[in-house]
Amino acid sequence: MQGPPPPSLSWGQKLLPAFFLTRLNRFLTLVRLQEPMAPVSSSWPVRSRRPGPVVEAHLGDPGRLKEILVPGRPVFVKMTKVGRGGPKGPARKTAFSLVMADVDGVLVSLDSQAPNRLVRKALEMGYFPELASYSQVWPETQSGHSRLDFRLTGAPGAPDFFLEVKSVTLVQGGRALFPDAPTVRGARHMEALSLACQQGLRAAVMFIIQRADADEFSPHDQMDPAFGWALRQANASGVKIWAYGCQVTPSSISLLHPIPVKLDYQPD
């Protein structure tokens, strides 16, 4: 029997092409918009893009993104609503958000919220065979001293299941790597998952690679050996480690098939 189709999220509006210029801080960038394609003249129907204005664009991914956010790189932005903020989040002071980058022909999503939204949609539709028996999905639940992304309950005869989701954007030579910057918080999440397993519960971490060119996943030990150690300790404690690639297009992002996890990878 064929399973449900891969979960997909729409960007919600047509994205605007631009060029990345610089990163002002963790959450703010400068980009140069490209004007819409239009005929050069009425007698010559060749289309071209002319440079447009320089604007500030919000960046939702706080990672380093050093290999992705290169000056002059083609990117895509979307219009956002400027407001005062409120209980759902801080005030947005920019009229644009940076959504994705074109890395040598590979579209890479820079929406750090997309993986959690994709996974939640997948959980609710029973997309993952290992988790399909869990009938209830509880986001943002406490485990020890950490808040994890999901707690799954309601599986007949099975203990509750904690699931942490991590966004991955860095791929080198077909290998997805996490993290791209040291993350004390990430190591703490692995410890919380380990503790859940030690208490008789079940747990997993799912790495969502927001691009389609990854063949394998490994911890980025050169960047953060402490996270790599915590991930391996979690695995030894019974924590499952899963990785999924994504199909990214100018209109949507969708989950692809799972990819192999290689914990013993050692770079040359």
C-alpha atoms as a PDB file:
ATOM      1  CA  MET A   1       0.000   0.000   0.000  1.00  0.00           C
ATOM      2  CA  GLN A   2       1.335   3.376  -0.982  1.00  0.00           C
ATOM      3  CA  GLY A   3       1.911   5.753   1.935  1.00  0.00           C
ATOM      4  CA  PRO A   4       0.851   9.372   2.229  1.00  0.00           C
ATOM      5  CA  PRO A   5       2.499  11.914  -0.069  1.00  0.00           C
ATOM      6  CA  PRO A   6       5.496  13.829   1.293  1.00  0.00           C
ATOM      7  CA  PRO A   7       4.444  16.806   3.417  1.00  0.00           C
ATOM      8  CA  SER A   8       4.954  20.156   1.758  1.00  0.00           C
ATOM      9  CA  LEU A   9       4.819  23.802   2.780  1.00  0.00           C
ATOM     10  CA  SER A  10       4.123  26.738   0.499  1.00  0.00           C
ATOM     11  CA  TRP A  11       6.063  29.968   0.881  1.00  0.00           C
ATOM     12  CA  GLY A  12       2.696  31.707   0.743  1.00  0.00           C
ATOM     13  CA  GLN A  13       3.555  34.221  -1.966  1.00  0.00           C
ATOM     14  CA  LYS A  14       5.716  34.687  -5.024  1.00  0.00           C
ATOM     15  CA  LEU A  15       9.336  35.166  -4.042  1.00  0.00           C
ATOM     16  CA  LEU A  16      11.401  38.063  -5.344  1.00  0.00           C
ATOM     17  CA  PRO A  17      14.888  37.487  -6.797  1.00  0.00           C
ATOM     18  CA  ALA A  18      17.776  39.418  -5.292  1.00  0.00           C
ATOM     19  CA  PHE A  19      21.520  39.323  -4.699  1.00  0.00           C
ATOM     20  CA  PHE A  20      23.005  38.927  -1.236  1.00  0.00           C
ATOM     21  CA  LEU A  21      25.283  41.807  -0.220  1.00  0.00           C
ATOM     22  CA  THR A  22      26.206  41.520   3.471  1.00  0.00           C
ATOM     23  CA  ARG A  23      25.033  40.383   6.885  1.00  0.00           C
ATOM     24  CA  LEU A  24      24.571  43.232   9.337  1.00  0.00           C
ATOM     25  CA  ASN A  25      23.954  40.990  12.360  1.00  0.00           C
ATOM     26  CA  ARG A  26      22.562  37.530  13.162  1.00  0.00           C
ATOM     27  CA  PHE A  27      19.075  38.380  11.943  1.00  0.00           C
ATOM     28  CA  LEU A  28      19.530  41.230   9.448  1.00  0.00           C
ATOM     29  CA  THR A  29      20.980  41.275   5.942  1.00  0.00           C
ATOM     30  CA  LEU A  30      21.315  43.647   3.017  1.00  0.00           C
ATOM     31  CA  VAL A  31      20.217  42.445  -0.420  1.00  0.00           C
ATOM     32  CA  ARG A  32      19.833  44.109  -3.797  1.00  0.00           C
ATOM     33  CA  LEU A  33      16.491  43.375  -5.397  1.00  0.00           C
ATOM     34  CA  GLN A  34      16.286  42.508  -9.075  1.00  0.00           C
ATOM     35  CA  GLU A  35      13.660  44.263 -11.121  1.00  0.00           C
ATOM     36  CA  PRO A  36      11.042  42.000 -12.748  1.00  0.00           C
ATOM     37  CA  MET A  37      11.900  40.535 -16.126  1.00  0.00           C
ATOM     38  CA  ALA A  38      10.653  42.778 -18.923  1.00  0.00           C
ATOM     39  CA  PRO A  39      11.300  43.236 -22.676  1.00  0.00           C
ATOM     40  CA  VAL A  40      14.382  45.304 -23.433  1.00  0.00           C
ATOM     41  CA  SER A  41      12.511  46.932 -26.291  1.00  0.00           C
ATOM     42  CA  SER A  42       9.349  46.368 -28.281  1.00  0.00           C
ATOM     43  CA  SER A  43      11.332  45.102 -31.270  1.00  0.00           C
ATOM     44  CA  TRP A  44      13.710  42.837 -29.326  1.00  0.00           C
ATOM     45  CA  PRO A  45      11.891  40.389 -27.038  1.00  0.00           C
ATOM     46  CA  VAL A  46      14.973  39.456 -25.022  1.00  0.00           C
ATOM     47  CA  ARG A  47      14.350  39.592 -21.303  1.00  0.00           C
ATOM     48  CA  SER A  48      16.847  40.662 -18.671  1.00  0.00           C
ATOM     49  CA  ARG A  49      16.966  41.536 -15.013  1.00  0.00           C
ATOM     50  CA  ARG A  50      18.215  44.950 -13.997  1.00  0.00           C
ATOM     51  CA  PRO A  51      19.517  45.716 -10.523  1.00  0.00           C
ATOM     52  CA  GLY A  52      16.974  47.254  -8.204  1.00  0.00           C
ATOM     53  CA  PRO A  53      17.158  48.945  -4.813  1.00  0.00           C
ATOM     54  CA  VAL A  54      19.174  47.781  -1.821  1.00  0.00           C
ATOM     55  CA  VAL A  55      16.891  46.744   1.066  1.00  0.00           C
ATOM     56  CA  GLU A  56      17.184  45.192   4.500  1.00  0.00           C
ATOM     57  CA  ALA A  57      15.908  41.609   4.789  1.00  0.00           C
ATOM     58  CA  HIS A  58      15.239  39.669   7.974  1.00  0.00           C
ATOM     59  CA  LEU A  59      17.156  36.379   8.319  1.00  0.00           C
ATOM     60  CA  GLY A  60      15.417  33.749  10.416  1.00  0.00           C
ATOM     61  CA  ASP A  61      18.403  31.388  10.600  1.00  0.00           C
ATOM     62  CA  PRO A  62      20.908  32.419  13.298  1.00  0.00           C
ATOM     63  CA  GLY A  63      23.572  29.962  12.090  1.00  0.00           C
ATOM     64  CA  ARG A  64      26.868  31.121  10.604  1.00  0.00           C
ATOM     65  CA  LEU A  65      25.845  30.254   7.007  1.00  0.00           C
ATOM     66  CA  LYS A  66      29.362  31.286   5.962  1.00  0.00           C
ATOM     67  CA  GLU A  67      29.415  28.934   2.977  1.00  0.00           C
ATOM     68  CA  ILE A  68      25.964  30.062   1.811  1.00  0.00           C
ATOM     69  CA  LEU A  69      25.728  33.814   2.390  1.00  0.00           C
ATOM     70  CA  VAL A  70      28.461  34.867  -0.022  1.00  0.00           C
ATOM     71  CA  PRO A  71      28.368  38.424  -1.433  1.00  0.00           C
ATOM     72  CA  GLY A  72      26.805  38.411  -4.882  1.00  0.00           C
ATOM     73  CA  ARG A  73      25.009  35.087  -4.393  1.00  0.00           C
ATOM     74  CA  PRO A  74      21.496  34.879  -5.889  1.00  0.00           C
ATOM     75  CA  VAL A  75      18.849  34.748  -3.168  1.00  0.00           C
ATOM     76  CA  PHE A  76      15.070  35.002  -2.886  1.00  0.00           C
ATOM     77  CA  VAL A  77      13.110  37.200  -0.511  1.00  0.00           C
ATOM     78  CA  LYS A  78       9.449  37.723   0.306  1.00  0.00           C
ATOM     79  CA  MET A  79       7.457  40.680   1.507  1.00  0.00           C
ATOM     80  CA  THR A  80       6.683  40.724   5.228  1.00  0.00           C
ATOM     81  CA  LYS A  81       4.313  42.718   7.354  1.00  0.00           C
ATOM     82  CA  VAL A  82       5.981  45.343   9.509  1.00  0.00           C
ATOM     83  CA  GLY A  83       4.359  45.519  12.944  1.00  0.00           C
ATOM     84  CA  ARG A  84       4.726  46.189  16.623  1.00  0.00           C
ATOM     85  CA  GLY A  85       5.039  42.584  17.657  1.00  0.00           C
ATOM     86  CA  GLY A  86       3.069  40.834  20.351  1.00  0.00           C
ATOM     87  CA  PRO A  87       2.664  37.531  22.177  1.00  0.00           C
ATOM     88  CA  LYS A  88       3.525  35.531  19.040  1.00  0.00           C
ATOM     89  CA  GLY A  89       6.857  37.223  18.438  1.00  0.00           C
ATOM     90  CA  PRO A  90       8.941  40.402  18.434  1.00  0.00           C
ATOM     91  CA  ALA A  91       8.271  43.388  16.220  1.00  0.00           C
ATOM     92  CA  ARG A  92       9.330  43.005  12.592  1.00  0.00           C
ATOM     93  CA  LYS A  93      11.118  46.137  11.416  1.00  0.00           C
ATOM     94  CA  THR A  94      11.970  45.034   7.885  1.00  0.00           C
ATOM     95  CA  ALA A  95       9.652  44.774   4.901  1.00  0.00           C
ATOM     96  CA  PHE A  96      11.450  41.707   3.486  1.00  0.00           C
ATOM     97  CA  SER A  97      12.547  38.279   4.690  1.00  0.00           C
ATOM     98  CA  LEU A  98      15.363  36.232   3.187  1.00  0.00           C
ATOM     99  CA  VAL A  99      13.855  32.847   2.302  1.00  0.00           C
ATOM    100  CA  MET A 100      16.426  30.915   0.279  1.00  0.00           C
ATOM    101  CA  ALA A 101      19.731  31.038  -1.559  1.00  0.00           C
ATOM    102  CA  ASP A 102      20.820  29.573  -4.889  1.00  0.00           C
ATOM    103  CA  VAL A 103      24.098  27.741  -4.155  1.00  0.00           C
ATOM    104  CA  ASP A 104      25.528  26.763  -7.529  1.00  0.00           C
ATOM    105  CA  GLY A 105      22.110  25.751  -8.813  1.00  0.00           C
ATOM    106  CA  VAL A 106      20.925  24.125  -5.564  1.00  0.00           C
ATOM    107  CA  LEU A 107      18.150  25.970  -3.745  1.00  0.00           C
ATOM    108  CA  VAL A 108      18.767  26.091   0.015  1.00  0.00           C
ATOM    109  CA  SER A 109      15.970  27.121   2.367  1.00  0.00           C
ATOM    110  CA  LEU A 110      17.002  29.589   5.075  1.00  0.00           C
ATOM    111  CA  ASP A 111      13.697  29.430   6.937  1.00  0.00           C
ATOM    112  CA  SER A 112      14.701  27.971  10.311  1.00  0.00           C
ATOM    113  CA  GLN A 113      11.026  27.394  11.212  1.00  0.00           C
ATOM    114  CA  ALA A 114      10.255  25.304   8.126  1.00  0.00           C
ATOM    115  CA  PRO A 115      11.715  22.007   9.475  1.00  0.00           C
ATOM    116  CA  ASN A 116       9.524  22.045  12.599  1.00  0.00           C
ATOM    117  CA  ARG A 117       6.459  22.944  10.586  1.00  0.00           C
ATOM    118  CA  LEU A 118       7.199  20.196   8.057  1.00  0.00           C
ATOM    119  CA  VAL A 119       7.765  17.589  10.754  1.00  0.00           C
ATOM    120  CA  ARG A 120       4.616  18.548  12.635  1.00  0.00           C
ATOM    121  CA  LYS A 121       2.593  18.237   9.437  1.00  0.00           C
ATOM    122  CA  ALA A 122       4.227  14.870   8.752  1.00  0.00           C
ATOM    123  CA  LEU A 123       3.466  13.629  12.277  1.00  0.00           C
ATOM    124  CA  GLU A 124      -0.167  14.658  12.052  1.00  0.00           C
ATOM    125  CA  MET A 125      -0.600  12.831   8.731  1.00  0.00           C
ATOM    126  CA  GLY A 126       1.233   9.688   9.902  1.00  0.00           C
ATOM    127  CA  TYR A 127       4.011  10.097   7.376  1.00  0.00           C
ATOM    128  CA  PHE A 128       6.807   8.471   9.413  1.00  0.00           C
ATOM    129  CA  PRO A 129       6.195   4.696   9.711  1.00  0.00           C
ATOM    130  CA  GLU A 130       8.123   4.456  13.006  1.00  0.00           C
ATOM    131  CA  LEU A 131       5.833   7.056  14.610  1.00  0.00           C
ATOM    132  CA  ALA A 132       2.498   6.397  12.904  1.00  0.00           C
ATOM    133  CA  SER A 133       1.026   4.617  15.952  1.00  0.00           C
ATOM    134  CA  TYR A 134       1.206   7.785  18.075  1.00  0.00           C
ATOM    135  CA  SER A 135      -2.143   9.534  17.913  1.00  0.00           C
ATOM    136  CA  GLN A 136      -1.322  12.774  19.744  1.00  0.00           C
ATOM    137  CA  VAL A 137       1.361  15.363  18.992  1.00  0.00           C
ATOM    138  CA  TRP A 138       2.362  17.844  21.705  1.00  0.00           C
ATOM    139  CA  PRO A 139       4.755  20.599  20.604  1.00  0.00           C
ATOM    140  CA  GLU A 140       7.295  22.332  22.850  1.00  0.00           C
ATOM    141  CA  THR A 141       7.255  20.032  25.886  1.00  0.00           C
ATOM    142  CA  GLN A 142       9.599  19.930  28.855  1.00  0.00           C
ATOM    143  CA  SER A 143      12.026  17.085  29.453  1.00  0.00           C
ATOM    144  CA  GLY A 144      14.378  17.572  32.374  1.00  0.00           C
ATOM    145  CA  HIS A 145      15.861  21.053  32.088  1.00  0.00           C
ATOM    146  CA  SER A 146      15.274  21.299  28.311  1.00  0.00           C
ATOM    147  CA  ARG A 147      12.295  22.087  26.143  1.00  0.00           C
ATOM    148  CA  LEU A 148      12.076  19.622  23.253  1.00  0.00           C
ATOM    149  CA  ASP A 149      10.176  20.089  20.001  1.00  0.00           C
ATOM    150  CA  PHE A 150       7.599  17.292  20.266  1.00  0.00           C
ATOM    151  CA  ARG A 151       6.205  14.720  22.680  1.00  0.00           C
ATOM    152  CA  LEU A 152       4.166  11.968  21.064  1.00  0.00           C
ATOM    153  CA  THR A 153       1.582  10.052  23.058  1.00  0.00           C
ATOM    154  CA  GLY A 154      -1.300   7.666  22.509  1.00  0.00           C
ATOM    155  CA  ALA A 155       0.474   4.650  21.001  1.00  0.00           C
ATOM    156  CA  PRO A 156      -1.147   1.476  22.404  1.00  0.00           C
ATOM    157  CA  GLY A 157       1.263  -0.294  24.741  1.00  0.00           C
ATOM    158  CA  ALA A 158       4.189   2.008  23.904  1.00  0.00           C
ATOM    159  CA  PRO A 159       5.898   4.661  26.045  1.00  0.00           C
ATOM    160  CA  ASP A 160       5.802   8.343  25.121  1.00  0.00           C
ATOM    161  CA  PHE A 161       8.211   9.486  22.441  1.00  0.00           C
ATOM    162  CA  PHE A 162      10.297  12.708  22.550  1.00  0.00           C
ATOM    163  CA  LEU A 163      11.399  14.132  19.195  1.00  0.00           C
ATOM    164  CA  GLU A 164      13.845  16.972  18.629  1.00  0.00           C
ATOM    165  CA  VAL A 165      14.178  18.564  15.173  1.00  0.00           C
ATOM    166  CA  LYS A 166      17.328  20.253  13.889  1.00  0.00           C
ATOM    167  CA  SER A 167      17.651  22.397  10.769  1.00  0.00           C
ATOM    168  CA  VAL A 168      20.648  21.651   8.521  1.00  0.00           C
ATOM    169  CA  THR A 169      21.839  23.884   5.667  1.00  0.00           C
ATOM    170  CA  LEU A 170      25.526  22.964   5.296  1.00  0.00           C
ATOM    171  CA  VAL A 171      26.462  20.297   2.722  1.00  0.00           C
ATOM    172  CA  GLN A 172      30.048  19.561   1.680  1.00  0.00           C
ATOM    173  CA  GLY A 173      30.787  16.990  -1.010  1.00  0.00           C
ATOM    174  CA  GLY A 174      27.333  15.452  -0.662  1.00  0.00           C
ATOM    175  CA  ARG A 175      27.624  15.176   3.130  1.00  0.00           C
ATOM    176  CA  ALA A 176      25.234  17.177   5.316  1.00  0.00           C
ATOM    177  CA  LEU A 177      26.905  18.493   8.470  1.00  0.00           C
ATOM    178  CA  PHE A 178      25.476  19.847  11.730  1.00  0.00           C
ATOM    179  CA  PRO A 179      26.081  22.236  13.335  1.00  0.00           C
ATOM    180  CA  ASP A 180      27.655  25.020  11.276  1.00  0.00           C
ATOM    181  CA  ALA A 181      28.467  26.888  14.523  1.00  0.00           C
ATOM    182  CA  PRO A 182      29.077  25.684  18.096  1.00  0.00           C
ATOM    183  CA  THR A 183      25.796  24.957  19.890  1.00  0.00           C
ATOM    184  CA  VAL A 184      25.729  24.387  23.638  1.00  0.00           C
ATOM    185  CA  ARG A 185      21.953  24.265  23.435  1.00  0.00           C
ATOM    186  CA  GLY A 186      22.099  21.470  20.862  1.00  0.00           C
ATOM    187  CA  ALA A 187      24.303  19.330  23.096  1.00  0.00           C
ATOM    188  CA  ARG A 188      21.922  19.954  25.993  1.00  0.00           C
ATOM    189  CA  HIS A 189      19.030  18.707  23.857  1.00  0.00           C
ATOM    190  CA  MET A 190      20.929  15.476  23.146  1.00  0.00           C
ATOM    191  CA  GLU A 191      21.448  15.004  26.893  1.00  0.00           C
ATOM    192  CA  ALA A 192      17.713  15.494  27.490  1.00  0.00           C
ATOM    193  CA  LEU A 193      16.885  12.857  24.876  1.00  0.00           C
ATOM    194  CA  SER A 194      19.373  10.459  26.485  1.00  0.00           C
ATOM    195  CA  LEU A 195      17.763  11.017  29.881  1.00  0.00           C
ATOM    196  CA  ALA A 196      14.318  10.270  28.435  1.00  0.00           C
ATOM    197  CA  CYS A 197      15.563   6.906  27.167  1.00  0.00           C
ATOM    198  CA  GLN A 198      17.180   6.138  30.516  1.00  0.00           C
ATOM    199  CA  GLN A 199      13.794   6.785  32.149  1.00  0.00           C
ATOM    200  CA  GLY A 200      12.107   4.177  29.956  1.00  0.00           C
ATOM    201  CA  LEU A 201      10.714   6.550  27.340  1.00  0.00           C
ATOM    202  CA  ARG A 202      11.616   6.665  23.641  1.00  0.00           C
ATOM    203  CA  ALA A 203      13.414   9.476  21.853  1.00  0.00           C
ATOM    204  CA  ALA A 204      14.881  10.567  18.536  1.00  0.00           C
ATOM    205  CA  VAL A 205      16.540  13.527  16.887  1.00  0.00           C
ATOM    206  CA  MET A 206      15.614  14.307  13.306  1.00  0.00           C
ATOM    207  CA  PHE A 207      17.946  16.382  11.125  1.00  0.00           C
ATOM    208  CA  ILE A 208      16.038  18.134   8.346  1.00  0.00           C
ATOM    209  CA  ILE A 209      18.426  19.093   5.545  1.00  0.00           C
ATOM    210  CA  GLN A 210      16.891  22.065   3.765  1.00  0.00           C
ATOM    211  CA  ARG A 211      18.318  21.194   0.356  1.00  0.00           C
ATOM    212  CA  ALA A 212      18.283  18.227  -2.017  1.00  0.00           C
ATOM    213  CA  ASP A 213      21.994  17.522  -2.627  1.00  0.00           C
ATOM    214  CA  ALA A 214      22.886  15.535   0.522  1.00  0.00           C
ATOM    215  CA  ASP A 215      23.681  11.803   0.270  1.00  0.00           C
ATOM    216  CA  GLU A 216      24.699  11.276   3.914  1.00  0.00           C
ATOM    217  CA  PHE A 217      24.568  13.055   7.251  1.00  0.00           C
ATOM    218  CA  SER A 218      27.278  13.333   9.917  1.00  0.00           C
ATOM    219  CA  PRO A 219      27.950  15.493  12.970  1.00  0.00           C
ATOM    220  CA  HIS A 220      30.301  18.384  12.202  1.00  0.00           C
ATOM    221  CA  ASP A 221      33.045  17.419  14.655  1.00  0.00           C
ATOM    222  CA  GLN A 222      35.515  19.963  13.320  1.00  0.00           C
ATOM    223  CA  MET A 223      33.065  22.759  14.143  1.00  0.00           C
ATOM    224  CA  ASP A 224      31.678  21.450  17.437  1.00  0.00           C
ATOM    225  CA  PRO A 225      33.259  18.274  18.860  1.00  0.00           C
ATOM    226  CA  ALA A 226      31.157  18.592  22.027  1.00  0.00           C
ATOM    227  CA  PHE A 227      27.935  18.261  20.034  1.00  0.00           C
ATOM    228  CA  GLY A 228      29.322  15.271  18.128  1.00  0.00           C
ATOM    229  CA  TRP A 229      30.203  13.580  21.427  1.00  0.00           C
ATOM    230  CA  ALA A 230      26.744  14.333  22.870  1.00  0.00           C
ATOM    231  CA  LEU A 231      25.060  12.957  19.732  1.00  0.00           C
ATOM    232  CA  ARG A 232      27.035   9.702  19.912  1.00  0.00           C
ATOM    233  CA  GLN A 233      26.312   9.366  23.620  1.00  0.00           C
ATOM    234  CA  ALA A 234      22.633   9.854  22.904  1.00  0.00           C
ATOM    235  CA  ASN A 235      22.754   7.165  20.258  1.00  0.00           C
ATOM    236  CA  ALA A 236      24.442   4.795  22.721  1.00  0.00           C
ATOM    237  CA  SER A 237      21.626   5.542  25.201  1.00  0.00           C
ATOM    238  CA  GLY A 238      18.985   4.432  22.694  1.00  0.00           C
ATOM    239  CA  VAL A 239      18.155   7.720  20.974  1.00  0.00           C
ATOM    240  CA  LYS A 240      17.295   7.229  17.302  1.00  0.00           C
ATOM    241  CA  ILE A 241      19.054   9.493  14.806  1.00  0.00           C
ATOM    242  CA  TRP A 242      17.264  10.221  11.554  1.00  0.00           C
ATOM    243  CA  ALA A 243      18.015  12.557   8.652  1.00  0.00           C
ATOM    244  CA  TYR A 244      15.793  13.704   5.802  1.00  0.00           C
ATOM    245  CA  GLY A 245      16.567  15.820   2.765  1.00  0.00           C
ATOM    246  CA  CYS A 246      14.186  18.373   1.278  1.00  0.00           C
ATOM    247  CA  GLN A 247      13.087  19.399  -2.179  1.00  0.00           C
ATOM    248  CA  VAL A 248      13.215  23.197  -2.295  1.00  0.00           C
ATOM    249  CA  THR A 249      11.550  25.179  -5.088  1.00  0.00           C
ATOM    250  CA  PRO A 250      10.640  28.859  -5.519  1.00  0.00           C
ATOM    251  CA  SER A 251       7.101  27.973  -4.419  1.00  0.00           C
ATOM    252  CA  SER A 252       7.479  25.334  -1.687  1.00  0.00           C
ATOM    253  CA  ILE A 253       9.601  22.992   0.424  1.00  0.00           C
ATOM    254  CA  SER A 254       8.859  19.260   0.716  1.00  0.00           C
ATOM    255  CA  LEU A 255      10.358  16.346   2.631  1.00  0.00           C
ATOM    256  CA  LEU A 256      12.348  13.844   0.595  1.00  0.00           C
ATOM    257  CA  HIS A 257      13.366  10.298   1.520  1.00  0.00           C
ATOM    258  CA  PRO A 258      15.564   9.583   4.564  1.00  0.00           C
ATOM    259  CA  ILE A 259      19.328   9.597   4.043  1.00  0.00           C
ATOM    260  CA  PRO A 260      21.975   7.496   5.822  1.00  0.00           C
ATOM    261  CA  VAL A 261      23.492   8.740   9.092  1.00  0.00           C
ATOM    262  CA  LYS A 262      27.246   8.174   9.469  1.00  0.00           C
ATOM    263  CA  LEU A 263      28.387   8.810  13.030  1.00  0.00           C
ATOM    264  CA  ASP A 264      31.888   7.417  12.430  1.00  0.00           C
ATOM    265  CA  TYR A 265      32.777   9.814   9.598  1.00  0.00           C
ATOM    266  CA  GLN A 266      36.252  11.286   9.885  1.00  0.00           C
ATOM    267  CA  PRO A 267      37.223  14.066   7.435  1.00  0.00           C
ATOM    268  CA  ASP A 268      40.580  13.805   5.683  1.00  0.00           C
END
